[in-house]
Every structure is written in structure tokens, then in C-alpha cells.
Amino acid sequence: MKQTLDTLKRIEQDTINLGEIIREEGRVARAELEERQRLGLHGDAAIRHYNDWMKRHGMEHLMVED
């Protein structure tokens, strides 16, 4: 029973942590999009801007190939 409770608590904490990560990634992505649109970037320039932004925020896993 204790092992099951410990497992459920770990799953709960993992879920909370994942939600925080997703919210932060969304916040960063929205800010990048706003700036990219404000700058009027398209094509390769938009991809470079996006990738630079993600790298600067430690989110290389969200970068796209150009």
C-alpha cells in the first residue's frame, strides 16, 4: 500500500512539473511569435529568429531545422 501511495505521489509531482514546463514553453513561444510578427520576419529569417530565441531560453528541443 505504501509503495502504491509513493508511486501515486511521484506521478502527481511529475504531472505538476510537466505542466509547469509546458506553460513556460508556451510563454516563451508566444513571446517569440509576437516579436517575430512585430519585426515582420518571414522564411529563413523567421526560422533563424525562432531558433535563436529557443536556444537563448534553453529550449533547444523546440528548435526546427531550417
PDB file of N, CA and C in Angstrom:
ATOM      1  N   MET A   1       0.823  -1.203   0.000  1.00  0.00           N
ATOM      2  CA  MET A   1       0.000   0.000   0.000  1.00  0.00           C
ATOM      3  C   MET A   1       0.862   1.260   0.000  1.00  0.00           C
ATOM      4  N   LYS A   2       1.910   1.298   0.848  1.00  0.00           N
ATOM      5  CA  LYS A   2       2.783   2.468   0.898  1.00  0.00           C
ATOM      6  C   LYS A   2       3.490   2.684  -0.440  1.00  0.00           C
ATOM      7  N   GLN A   3       3.890   1.572  -1.075  1.00  0.00           N
ATOM      8  CA  GLN A   3       4.566   1.686  -2.363  1.00  0.00           C
ATOM      9  C   GLN A   3       3.623   2.292  -3.409  1.00  0.00           C
ATOM     10  N   THR A   4       2.369   1.884  -3.385  1.00  0.00           N
ATOM     11  CA  THR A   4       1.374   2.424  -4.310  1.00  0.00           C
ATOM     12  C   THR A   4       1.164   3.913  -4.053  1.00  0.00           C
ATOM     13  N   LEU A   5       1.084   4.295  -2.796  1.00  0.00           N
ATOM     14  CA  LEU A   5       0.909   5.707  -2.448  1.00  0.00           C
ATOM     15  C   LEU A   5       2.121   6.518  -2.887  1.00  0.00           C
ATOM     16  N   ASP A   6       3.321   5.993  -2.679  1.00  0.00           N
ATOM     17  CA  ASP A   6       4.541   6.675  -3.105  1.00  0.00           C
ATOM     18  C   ASP A   6       4.564   6.837  -4.623  1.00  0.00           C
ATOM     19  N   THR A   7       4.148   5.798  -5.325  1.00  0.00           N
ATOM     20  CA  THR A   7       4.096   5.863  -6.792  1.00  0.00           C
ATOM     21  C   THR A   7       3.104   6.917  -7.248  1.00  0.00           C
ATOM     22  N   LEU A   8       1.938   6.965  -6.628  1.00  0.00           N
ATOM     23  CA  LEU A   8       0.938   7.967  -6.993  1.00  0.00           C
ATOM     24  C   LEU A   8       1.424   9.383  -6.700  1.00  0.00           C
ATOM     25  N   LYS A   9       2.114   9.570  -5.586  1.00  0.00           N
ATOM     26  CA  LYS A   9       2.656  10.891  -5.256  1.00  0.00           C
ATOM     27  C   LYS A   9       3.716  11.307  -6.273  1.00  0.00           C
ATOM     28  N   ARG A  10       4.550  10.342  -6.706  1.00  0.00           N
ATOM     29  CA  ARG A  10       5.574  10.637  -7.703  1.00  0.00           C
ATOM     30  C   ARG A  10       4.927  11.014  -9.032  1.00  0.00           C
ATOM     31  N   ILE A  11       3.905  10.261  -9.417  1.00  0.00           N
ATOM     32  CA  ILE A  11       3.190  10.569 -10.663  1.00  0.00           C
ATOM     33  C   ILE A  11       2.548  11.942 -10.578  1.00  0.00           C
ATOM     34  N   GLU A  12       1.951  12.265  -9.453  1.00  0.00           N
ATOM     35  CA  GLU A  12       1.340  13.580  -9.267  1.00  0.00           C
ATOM     36  C   GLU A  12       2.383  14.687  -9.420  1.00  0.00           C
ATOM     37  N   GLN A  13       3.531  14.525  -8.776  1.00  0.00           N
ATOM     38  CA  GLN A  13       4.581  15.542  -8.857  1.00  0.00           C
ATOM     39  C   GLN A  13       5.139  15.652 -10.270  1.00  0.00           C
ATOM     40  N   ASP A  14       5.327  14.514 -10.934  1.00  0.00           N
ATOM     41  CA  ASP A  14       5.793  14.530 -12.321  1.00  0.00           C
ATOM     42  C   ASP A  14       4.812  15.279 -13.213  1.00  0.00           C
ATOM     43  N   THR A  15       3.523  15.085 -12.978  1.00  0.00           N
ATOM     44  CA  THR A  15       2.490  15.755 -13.763  1.00  0.00           C
ATOM     45  C   THR A  15       2.500  17.262 -13.502  1.00  0.00           C
ATOM     46  N   ILE A  16       2.654  17.649 -12.269  1.00  0.00           N
ATOM     47  CA  ILE A  16       2.748  19.074 -11.922  1.00  0.00           C
ATOM     48  C   ILE A  16       3.962  19.696 -12.596  1.00  0.00           C
ATOM     49  N   ASN A  17       5.100  19.012 -12.517  1.00  0.00           N
ATOM     50  CA  ASN A  17       6.327  19.517 -13.136  1.00  0.00           C
ATOM     51  C   ASN A  17       6.175  19.655 -14.648  1.00  0.00           C
ATOM     52  N   LEU A  18       5.565  18.665 -15.290  1.00  0.00           N
ATOM     53  CA  LEU A  18       5.351  18.712 -16.732  1.00  0.00           C
ATOM     54  C   LEU A  18       4.455  19.892 -17.100  1.00  0.00           C
ATOM     55  N   GLY A  19       3.414  20.123 -16.329  1.00  0.00           N
ATOM     56  CA  GLY A  19       2.539  21.266 -16.583  1.00  0.00           C
ATOM     57  C   GLY A  19       3.278  22.586 -16.501  1.00  0.00           C
ATOM     58  N   GLU A  20       4.174  22.716 -15.530  1.00  0.00           N
ATOM     59  CA  GLU A  20       4.966  23.939 -15.396  1.00  0.00           C
ATOM     60  C   GLU A  20       5.886  24.125 -16.597  1.00  0.00           C
ATOM     61  N   ILE A  21       6.497  23.038 -17.049  1.00  0.00           N
ATOM     62  CA  ILE A  21       7.382  23.107 -18.220  1.00  0.00           C
ATOM     63  C   ILE A  21       6.596  23.534 -19.451  1.00  0.00           C
ATOM     64  N   ILE A  22       5.452  22.923 -19.659  1.00  0.00           N
ATOM     65  CA  ILE A  22       4.630  23.241 -20.827  1.00  0.00           C
ATOM     66  C   ILE A  22       4.169  24.697 -20.790  1.00  0.00           C
ATOM     67  N   ARG A  23       3.764  25.181 -19.633  1.00  0.00           N
ATOM     68  CA  ARG A  23       3.345  26.599 -19.526  1.00  0.00           C
ATOM     69  C   ARG A  23       4.509  27.535 -19.840  1.00  0.00           C
ATOM     70  N   GLU A  24       5.704  27.223 -19.353  1.00  0.00           N
ATOM     71  CA  GLU A  24       6.882  28.061 -19.628  1.00  0.00           C
ATOM     72  C   GLU A  24       7.234  28.027 -21.110  1.00  0.00           C
ATOM     73  N   GLU A  25       7.202  26.839 -21.712  1.00  0.00           N
ATOM     74  CA  GLU A  25       7.482  26.745 -23.142  1.00  0.00           C
ATOM     75  C   GLU A  25       6.464  27.548 -23.941  1.00  0.00           C
ATOM     76  N   GLY A  26       5.215  27.496 -23.548  1.00  0.00           N
ATOM     77  CA  GLY A  26       4.179  28.272 -24.223  1.00  0.00           C
ATOM     78  C   GLY A  26       4.402  29.761 -24.083  1.00  0.00           C
ATOM     79  N   ARG A  27       4.789  30.190 -22.892  1.00  0.00           N
ATOM     80  CA  ARG A  27       5.058  31.616 -22.664  1.00  0.00           C
ATOM     81  C   ARG A  27       6.201  32.092 -23.559  1.00  0.00           C
ATOM     82  N   VAL A  28       7.273  31.311 -23.624  1.00  0.00           N
ATOM     83  CA  VAL A  28       8.434  31.677 -24.443  1.00  0.00           C
ATOM     84  C   VAL A  28       8.046  31.697 -25.925  1.00  0.00           C
ATOM     85  N   ALA A  29       7.300  30.682 -26.370  1.00  0.00           N
ATOM     86  CA  ALA A  29       6.894  30.610 -27.771  1.00  0.00           C
ATOM     87  C   ALA A  29       5.985  31.784 -28.148  1.00  0.00           C
ATOM     88  N   ARG A  30       5.069  32.154 -27.265  1.00  0.00           N
ATOM     89  CA  ARG A  30       4.193  33.302 -27.560  1.00  0.00           C
ATOM     90  C   ARG A  30       4.985  34.600 -27.655  1.00  0.00           C
ATOM     91  N   ALA A  31       5.937  34.783 -26.762  1.00  0.00           N
ATOM     92  CA  ALA A  31       6.757  35.998 -26.796  1.00  0.00           C
ATOM     93  C   ALA A  31       7.583  36.049 -28.078  1.00  0.00           C
ATOM     94  N   GLU A  32       8.119  34.898 -28.482  1.00  0.00           N
ATOM     95  CA  GLU A  32       8.900  34.850 -29.725  1.00  0.00           C
ATOM     96  C   GLU A  32       8.023  35.203 -30.909  1.00  0.00           C
ATOM     97  N   LEU A  33       6.833  34.610 -30.976  1.00  0.00           N
ATOM     98  CA  LEU A  33       5.921  34.876 -32.081  1.00  0.00           C
ATOM     99  C   LEU A  33       5.550  36.354 -32.150  1.00  0.00           C
ATOM    100  N   GLU A  34       5.254  36.948 -31.019  1.00  0.00           N
ATOM    101  CA  GLU A  34       4.908  38.376 -31.002  1.00  0.00           C
ATOM    102  C   GLU A  34       6.046  39.216 -31.568  1.00  0.00           C
ATOM    103  N   GLU A  35       7.270  38.923 -31.143  1.00  0.00           N
ATOM    104  CA  GLU A  35       8.399  39.707 -31.646  1.00  0.00           C
ATOM    105  C   GLU A  35       8.641  39.454 -33.129  1.00  0.00           C
ATOM    106  N   ARG A  36       8.551  38.204 -33.550  1.00  0.00           N
ATOM    107  CA  ARG A  36       8.764  37.855 -34.963  1.00  0.00           C
ATOM    108  C   ARG A  36       7.742  38.567 -35.838  1.00  0.00           C
ATOM    109  N   GLN A  37       6.498  38.595 -35.402  1.00  0.00           N
ATOM    110  CA  GLN A  37       5.464  39.297 -36.163  1.00  0.00           C
ATOM    111  C   GLN A  37       5.695  40.799 -36.153  1.00  0.00           C
ATOM    112  N   ARG A  38       6.090  41.334 -34.996  1.00  0.00           N
ATOM    113  CA  ARG A  38       6.366  42.762 -34.905  1.00  0.00           C
ATOM    114  C   ARG A  38       7.494  43.163 -35.858  1.00  0.00           C
ATOM    115  N   LEU A  39       8.485  42.280 -35.987  1.00  0.00           N
ATOM    116  CA  LEU A  39       9.614  42.548 -36.873  1.00  0.00           C
ATOM    117  C   LEU A  39       9.299  42.238 -38.335  1.00  0.00           C
ATOM    118  N   GLY A  40       8.182  41.572 -38.579  1.00  0.00           N
ATOM    119  CA  GLY A  40       7.780  41.234 -39.946  1.00  0.00           C
ATOM    120  C   GLY A  40       8.676  40.181 -40.587  1.00  0.00           C
ATOM    121  N   LEU A  41       9.181  39.254 -39.803  1.00  0.00           N
ATOM    122  CA  LEU A  41      10.091  38.247 -40.330  1.00  0.00           C
ATOM    123  C   LEU A  41       9.330  37.113 -41.005  1.00  0.00           C
ATOM    124  N   HIS A  42       9.898  36.624 -42.105  1.00  0.00           N
ATOM    125  CA  HIS A  42       9.313  35.518 -42.858  1.00  0.00           C
ATOM    126  C   HIS A  42      10.435  34.604 -43.343  1.00  0.00           C
ATOM    127  N   GLY A  43      10.075  33.401 -43.718  1.00  0.00           N
ATOM    128  CA  GLY A  43      11.016  32.473 -44.333  1.00  0.00           C
ATOM    129  C   GLY A  43      12.198  32.142 -43.437  1.00  0.00           C
ATOM    130  N   ASP A  44      13.386  32.127 -44.045  1.00  0.00           N
ATOM    131  CA  ASP A  44      14.608  31.767 -43.332  1.00  0.00           C
ATOM    132  C   ASP A  44      14.880  32.690 -42.148  1.00  0.00           C
ATOM    133  N   ALA A  45      14.579  33.963 -42.293  1.00  0.00           N
ATOM    134  CA  ALA A  45      14.816  34.912 -41.195  1.00  0.00           C
ATOM    135  C   ALA A  45      13.930  34.569 -39.993  1.00  0.00           C
ATOM    136  N   ALA A  46      12.706  34.162 -40.272  1.00  0.00           N
ATOM    137  CA  ALA A  46      11.785  33.786 -39.186  1.00  0.00           C
ATOM    138  C   ALA A  46      12.275  32.521 -38.483  1.00  0.00           C
ATOM    139  N   ILE A  47      12.759  31.568 -39.247  1.00  0.00           N
ATOM    140  CA  ILE A  47      13.276  30.326 -38.662  1.00  0.00           C
ATOM    141  C   ILE A  47      14.502  30.612 -37.808  1.00  0.00           C
ATOM    142  N   ARG A  48      15.419  31.436 -38.324  1.00  0.00           N
ATOM    143  CA  ARG A  48      16.609  31.792 -37.542  1.00  0.00           C
ATOM    144  C   ARG A  48      16.224  32.493 -36.250  1.00  0.00           C
ATOM    145  N   HIS A  49      15.281  33.422 -36.329  1.00  0.00           N
ATOM    146  CA  HIS A  49      14.825  34.150 -35.146  1.00  0.00           C
ATOM    147  C   HIS A  49      14.244  33.183 -34.113  1.00  0.00           C
ATOM    148  N   TYR A  50      13.373  32.296 -34.573  1.00  0.00           N
ATOM    149  CA  TYR A  50      12.749  31.315 -33.691  1.00  0.00           C
ATOM    150  C   TYR A  50      13.806  30.440 -33.021  1.00  0.00           C
ATOM    151  N   ASN A  51      14.708  29.887 -33.818  1.00  0.00           N
ATOM    152  CA  ASN A  51      15.738  29.000 -33.267  1.00  0.00           C
ATOM    153  C   ASN A  51      16.659  29.740 -32.305  1.00  0.00           C
ATOM    154  N   ASP A  52      17.059  30.949 -32.652  1.00  0.00           N
ATOM    155  CA  ASP A  52      17.903  31.742 -31.746  1.00  0.00           C
ATOM    156  C   ASP A  52      17.182  31.994 -30.427  1.00  0.00           C
ATOM    157  N   TRP A  53      15.914  32.307 -30.506  1.00  0.00           N
ATOM    158  CA  TRP A  53      15.104  32.584 -29.311  1.00  0.00           C
ATOM    159  C   TRP A  53      15.025  31.346 -28.417  1.00  0.00           C
ATOM    160  N   MET A  54      14.738  30.199 -29.031  1.00  0.00           N
ATOM    161  CA  MET A  54      14.630  28.954 -28.257  1.00  0.00           C
ATOM    162  C   MET A  54      15.976  28.592 -27.626  1.00  0.00           C
ATOM    163  N   LYS A  55      17.039  28.759 -28.376  1.00  0.00           N
ATOM    164  CA  LYS A  55      18.373  28.452 -27.828  1.00  0.00           C
ATOM    165  C   LYS A  55      18.687  29.369 -26.655  1.00  0.00           C
ATOM    166  N   ARG A  56      18.376  30.652 -26.794  1.00  0.00           N
ATOM    167  CA  ARG A  56      18.640  31.632 -25.739  1.00  0.00           C
ATOM    168  C   ARG A  56      17.879  31.290 -24.451  1.00  0.00           C
ATOM    169  N   HIS A  57      16.745  30.631 -24.593  1.00  0.00           N
ATOM    170  CA  HIS A  57      15.926  30.274 -23.432  1.00  0.00           C
ATOM    171  C   HIS A  57      16.124  28.823 -23.002  1.00  0.00           C
ATOM    172  N   GLY A  58      17.155  28.175 -23.537  1.00  0.00           N
ATOM    173  CA  GLY A  58      17.460  26.804 -23.135  1.00  0.00           C
ATOM    174  C   GLY A  58      16.434  25.788 -23.602  1.00  0.00           C
ATOM    175  N   MET A  59      15.793  26.074 -24.715  1.00  0.00           N
ATOM    176  CA  MET A  59      14.746  25.187 -25.233  1.00  0.00           C
ATOM    177  C   MET A  59      15.120  24.659 -26.616  1.00  0.00           C
ATOM    178  N   GLU A  60      16.361  24.198 -26.725  1.00  0.00           N
ATOM    179  CA  GLU A  60      16.857  23.677 -27.999  1.00  0.00           C
ATOM    180  C   GLU A  60      15.992  22.558 -28.534  1.00  0.00           C
ATOM    181  N   HIS A  61      15.333  21.814 -27.661  1.00  0.00           N
ATOM    182  CA  HIS A  61      14.486  20.708 -28.093  1.00  0.00           C
ATOM    183  C   HIS A  61      13.279  21.184 -28.903  1.00  0.00           C
ATOM    184  N   LEU A  62      12.996  22.501 -28.880  1.00  0.00           N
ATOM    185  CA  LEU A  62      11.884  23.048 -29.672  1.00  0.00           C
ATOM    186  C   LEU A  62      12.346  23.659 -30.995  1.00  0.00           C
ATOM    187  N   MET A  63      13.646  23.673 -31.215  1.00  0.00           N
ATOM    188  CA  MET A  63      14.176  24.278 -32.436  1.00  0.00           C
ATOM    189  C   MET A  63      13.749  23.453 -33.657  1.00  0.00           C
ATOM    190  N   VAL A  64      13.651  24.139 -34.793  1.00  0.00           N
ATOM    191  CA  VAL A  64      13.296  23.476 -36.055  1.00  0.00           C
ATOM    192  C   VAL A  64      14.475  23.535 -37.004  1.00  0.00           C
ATOM    193  N   GLU A  65      14.491  22.605 -37.944  1.00  0.00           N
ATOM    194  CA  GLU A  65      15.532  22.618 -38.967  1.00  0.00           C
ATOM    195  C   GLU A  65      15.179  23.673 -39.989  1.00  0.00           C
ATOM    196  N   ASP A  66      16.194  24.390 -40.432  1.00  0.00           N
ATOM    197  CA  ASP A  66      15.918  25.407 -41.470  1.00  0.00           C
ATOM    198  C   ASP A  66      16.330  24.932 -42.821  1.00  0.00           C
TER     199      ASP A  66
END
